Amino acid sequence: MAYKVLIVEDDPMVAMINEQYVCKNADFCVTASCRNGEEALVFLSSNKVDLILLDVFMPMMDGIETLKKIREMKVDAEVIMVTAANDTPTIENTMHLGVLDYLIKPFTYERFVVSLEKFISKITMLKGNQVLDQQCIDTIISNMTAAKVEEKSYPKGIQKKTLAHVLEYFKKCSTWQTADMVAADLGVSIVTVRNYMNYLVKEGTIIQDINYETGGRPSMLYRLKK
């Protein structure tokens, strides 16, 4: 059975994107979407959910106050903050109130998936063990920092999964490739390809050359360094 998710977000567009992200994973389903904290508390008073995606800046009742009320109500659900608020006091407040994760808008789908995976890992471990040993506890606690370390391993705009797809593509290519060719084959934008090419060239994984024989504007060529 899929985990039930409640989205609490006042921006309809952001709420829709969050719902699309959730629904990409068959282990989750969106059971409701509320426009503010008051609506969310009313819903939670008579409905059970497993995970709450909670914004900070909302009318009537903001996310911090909503989170406090959720804790007072002893709602048995994990909370992931999904917000543009990145100031230290706000982050500290939510951490003290026991959020599972904190996503700063705009975030990538890959980073969103990390949050869902942390949720599944924690729930599976807690429900699968009557008594937790030190290793289990360490795993649960370290989950939050593990994602941050992974994200910091790459420059902004470079995602681990996309990078792996790009490298796999070049491993299968025996000839020089243009950004247009890579974009078309991988189904991504040329801007994205150029971003990854610049990163991989700096890393020394990809080498580049210029083709002047195009009959017009010179074209940049790329291939895997052997």
Protein backbone atom coordinates (compact mmCIF):
# COMPACT_ATOMS: atom_id res chain seq x y z
CA MET A 1 0.00 0.00 0.00
CA ALA A 2 1.31 3.45 -0.94
CA TYR A 3 2.38 5.95 1.70
CA LYS A 4 -0.13 8.80 2.04
CA VAL A 5 1.25 12.30 1.50
CA LEU A 6 -0.27 15.63 2.50
CA ILE A 7 0.96 18.73 0.62
CA VAL A 8 0.66 22.04 2.47
CA GLU A 9 1.52 24.81 0.02
CA ASP A 10 -0.20 28.11 -0.80
CA ASP A 11 1.23 28.41 -4.33
CA PRO A 12 -0.93 26.25 -6.66
CA MET A 13 1.88 25.84 -9.21
CA VAL A 14 4.39 24.67 -6.60
CA ALA A 15 1.79 22.35 -5.08
CA MET A 16 1.16 20.83 -8.51
CA ILE A 17 4.90 20.28 -9.13
CA ASN A 18 5.28 18.68 -5.69
CA GLU A 19 2.35 16.39 -6.45
CA GLN A 20 3.85 15.40 -9.80
CA TYR A 21 7.15 14.60 -8.08
CA VAL A 22 5.40 12.47 -5.46
CA CYS A 23 3.30 10.59 -8.01
CA LYS A 24 6.38 9.57 -9.99
CA ASN A 25 7.13 7.15 -7.15
CA ALA A 26 4.71 4.23 -6.94
CA ASP A 27 5.36 3.92 -3.19
CA PHE A 28 3.62 7.27 -2.54
CA CYS A 29 0.27 8.91 -3.28
CA VAL A 30 -1.04 12.41 -2.56
CA THR A 31 -4.09 12.11 -0.35
CA ALA A 32 -4.78 15.86 -0.09
CA SER A 33 -3.39 19.33 -0.76
CA CYS A 34 -4.03 22.26 1.62
CA ARG A 35 -3.47 25.97 0.93
CA ASN A 36 -2.46 26.94 4.48
CA GLY A 37 -1.71 25.62 7.94
CA GLU A 38 -5.24 25.96 9.27
CA GLU A 39 -6.65 23.82 6.46
CA ALA A 40 -3.93 21.25 7.10
CA LEU A 41 -4.70 21.00 10.83
CA VAL A 42 -8.40 20.53 10.15
CA PHE A 43 -7.60 17.78 7.67
CA LEU A 44 -5.15 16.07 10.03
CA SER A 45 -7.66 16.10 12.87
CA SER A 46 -9.70 13.45 11.06
CA ASN A 47 -7.35 11.92 8.50
CA LYS A 48 -4.14 9.91 8.81
CA VAL A 49 -1.15 10.51 6.56
CA ASP A 50 2.39 9.17 6.56
CA LEU A 51 4.29 12.16 5.20
CA ILE A 52 3.67 15.93 5.15
CA LEU A 53 5.33 18.30 2.67
CA LEU A 54 5.14 21.63 4.46
CA ASP A 55 5.87 25.15 3.21
CA VAL A 56 7.00 27.93 5.59
CA PHE A 57 5.61 31.13 4.08
CA MET A 58 1.80 30.78 4.02
CA PRO A 59 -1.15 33.06 4.86
CA MET A 60 -3.24 32.65 8.03
CA MET A 61 -0.78 30.23 9.68
CA ASP A 62 2.83 29.80 8.57
CA GLY A 63 4.72 26.54 8.41
CA ILE A 64 6.58 26.95 11.70
CA GLU A 65 3.39 27.50 13.68
CA THR A 66 1.70 24.69 11.76
CA LEU A 67 4.57 22.35 12.58
CA LYS A 68 4.30 23.24 16.27
CA LYS A 69 0.57 22.46 16.22
CA ILE A 70 1.22 19.18 14.40
CA ARG A 71 3.60 18.17 17.17
CA GLU A 72 1.11 19.24 19.85
CA MET A 73 -1.55 17.11 18.18
CA LYS A 74 0.92 14.18 18.20
CA VAL A 75 0.27 13.50 14.53
CA ASP A 76 2.08 10.30 13.59
CA ALA A 77 3.66 11.54 10.36
CA GLU A 78 7.08 12.58 9.12
CA VAL A 79 7.51 16.16 7.91
CA ILE A 80 9.66 17.47 5.06
CA MET A 81 9.91 21.25 4.79
CA VAL A 82 9.66 22.43 1.18
CA THR A 83 10.30 26.17 1.16
CA ALA A 84 12.26 29.16 -0.07
CA ALA A 85 13.11 30.07 3.54
CA ASN A 86 16.85 29.50 3.94
CA ASP A 87 17.66 31.71 6.93
CA THR A 88 19.37 30.08 9.88
CA PRO A 89 16.66 30.76 12.53
CA THR A 90 13.93 29.16 10.40
CA ILE A 91 16.04 26.10 9.62
CA GLU A 92 17.03 25.74 13.29
CA ASN A 93 13.41 26.01 14.43
CA THR A 94 12.25 23.28 12.07
CA MET A 95 15.17 21.04 12.99
CA HIS A 96 14.32 21.40 16.67
CA LEU A 97 10.77 20.38 15.82
CA GLY A 98 12.03 17.17 14.26
CA VAL A 99 11.65 17.50 10.49
CA LEU A 100 12.95 14.63 8.41
CA ASP A 101 14.45 16.86 5.74
CA TYR A 102 14.58 20.45 4.49
CA LEU A 103 14.31 21.25 0.77
CA ILE A 104 15.05 24.78 -0.41
CA LYS A 105 13.19 25.95 -3.52
CA PRO A 106 13.97 25.53 -6.31
CA PHE A 107 15.18 21.97 -5.87
CA THR A 108 15.74 19.18 -8.36
CA TYR A 109 13.67 16.04 -8.72
CA GLU A 110 16.80 14.03 -7.89
CA ARG A 111 17.13 15.81 -4.54
CA PHE A 112 13.41 15.31 -3.88
CA VAL A 113 13.85 11.59 -4.44
CA VAL A 114 16.60 11.56 -1.81
CA SER A 115 14.07 12.88 0.72
CA LEU A 116 11.57 10.17 -0.17
CA GLU A 117 14.25 7.51 0.09
CA LYS A 118 15.24 8.78 3.54
CA PHE A 119 11.59 8.55 4.58
CA ILE A 120 11.29 4.96 3.38
CA SER A 121 14.58 4.01 5.03
CA LYS A 122 13.55 5.45 8.38
CA ILE A 123 10.04 4.00 8.35
CA THR A 124 11.26 0.58 7.27
CA MET A 125 13.88 0.48 9.97
CA LEU A 126 11.56 1.69 12.75
CA LYS A 127 8.69 -0.62 11.85
CA GLY A 128 10.90 -3.61 11.14
CA ASN A 129 12.61 -3.65 14.52
CA GLN A 130 11.13 -3.79 18.00
CA VAL A 131 14.53 -2.86 19.43
CA LEU A 132 17.14 -0.84 17.56
CA ASP A 133 20.84 -1.49 17.92
CA GLN A 134 23.48 1.23 17.63
CA GLN A 135 24.00 0.61 13.93
CA CYS A 136 20.30 1.12 13.14
CA ILE A 137 20.17 4.31 15.20
CA ASP A 138 23.33 5.64 13.56
CA THR A 139 21.84 4.94 10.12
CA ILE A 140 18.63 6.84 10.90
CA ILE A 141 20.45 9.83 12.35
CA SER A 142 23.07 10.00 9.61
CA ASN A 143 20.51 9.85 6.80
CA MET A 144 19.93 13.60 6.95
CA THR A 145 23.58 14.51 6.60
CA ALA A 146 24.28 11.84 3.99
CA ALA A 147 22.16 13.59 1.36
CA LYS A 148 23.82 16.93 2.05
CA VAL A 149 27.27 15.43 1.63
CA GLU A 150 26.23 13.85 -1.66
CA GLU A 151 24.81 17.13 -2.97
CA LYS A 152 27.98 19.02 -2.05
CA SER A 153 30.13 16.55 -3.98
CA TYR A 154 29.12 18.23 -7.24
CA PRO A 155 28.85 21.85 -8.37
CA LYS A 156 25.45 23.53 -8.56
CA GLY A 157 23.45 22.15 -11.47
CA ILE A 158 25.30 18.83 -11.62
CA GLN A 159 23.24 15.86 -10.46
CA LYS A 160 24.68 12.41 -9.78
CA LYS A 161 22.09 10.43 -11.78
CA THR A 162 22.18 12.73 -14.81
CA LEU A 163 25.97 12.69 -14.74
CA ALA A 164 25.93 8.89 -14.76
CA HIS A 165 23.61 8.90 -17.81
CA VAL A 166 25.90 11.29 -19.67
CA LEU A 167 28.99 9.22 -18.93
CA GLU A 168 27.23 5.99 -19.92
CA TYR A 169 26.25 7.62 -23.20
CA PHE A 170 29.84 8.57 -24.02
CA LYS A 171 31.13 5.12 -23.07
CA LYS A 172 28.97 3.72 -25.88
CA CYS A 173 30.14 6.30 -28.43
CA SER A 174 33.26 5.67 -30.49
CA THR A 175 33.11 8.95 -32.41
CA TRP A 176 33.06 12.64 -31.58
CA GLN A 177 29.69 14.00 -30.45
CA THR A 178 28.18 17.48 -30.63
CA ALA A 179 26.04 19.00 -27.87
CA ASP A 180 23.04 18.77 -30.23
CA MET A 181 23.57 15.04 -30.72
CA VAL A 182 23.90 14.38 -27.00
CA ALA A 183 20.83 16.47 -26.18
CA ALA A 184 18.71 14.70 -28.77
CA ASP A 185 19.77 11.20 -27.70
CA LEU A 186 19.40 11.83 -23.95
CA GLY A 187 16.26 13.94 -24.19
CA VAL A 188 17.70 16.94 -22.33
CA SER A 189 18.29 20.56 -23.28
CA ILE A 190 21.43 21.76 -25.05
CA VAL A 191 22.06 24.12 -22.12
CA THR A 192 22.08 21.14 -19.77
CA VAL A 193 24.47 19.20 -22.02
CA ARG A 194 26.88 22.13 -22.26
CA ASN A 195 26.81 22.50 -18.48
CA TYR A 196 27.77 18.84 -18.02
CA MET A 197 30.35 19.00 -20.81
CA ASN A 198 32.06 21.98 -19.19
CA TYR A 199 32.15 20.12 -15.88
CA LEU A 200 33.49 16.87 -17.38
CA VAL A 201 36.10 18.70 -19.47
CA LYS A 202 37.38 20.42 -16.32
CA GLU A 203 37.42 17.05 -14.56
CA GLY A 204 39.47 15.59 -17.42
CA THR A 205 36.89 12.90 -18.17
CA ILE A 206 35.78 14.37 -21.51
CA ILE A 207 38.02 15.97 -24.11
CA GLN A 208 36.82 18.58 -26.58
CA ASP A 209 37.78 19.78 -30.04
CA ILE A 210 36.44 22.31 -32.53
CA ASN A 211 35.08 21.37 -35.94
CA TYR A 212 35.69 24.21 -38.39
CA GLU A 213 34.41 22.24 -41.39
CA THR A 214 30.73 22.90 -40.81
CA GLY A 215 30.31 25.38 -43.62
CA GLY A 216 29.25 27.96 -41.09
CA ARG A 217 29.66 28.47 -37.40
CA PRO A 218 32.34 26.17 -35.86
CA SER A 219 30.95 23.32 -33.73
CA MET A 220 32.34 21.98 -30.45
CA LEU A 221 32.97 18.23 -30.39
CA TYR A 222 33.22 15.95 -27.37
CA ARG A 223 34.32 12.39 -26.63
CA LEU A 224 35.39 10.31 -23.66
CA LYS A 225 39.06 10.56 -22.75
CA LYS A 226 40.75 7.19 -23.23
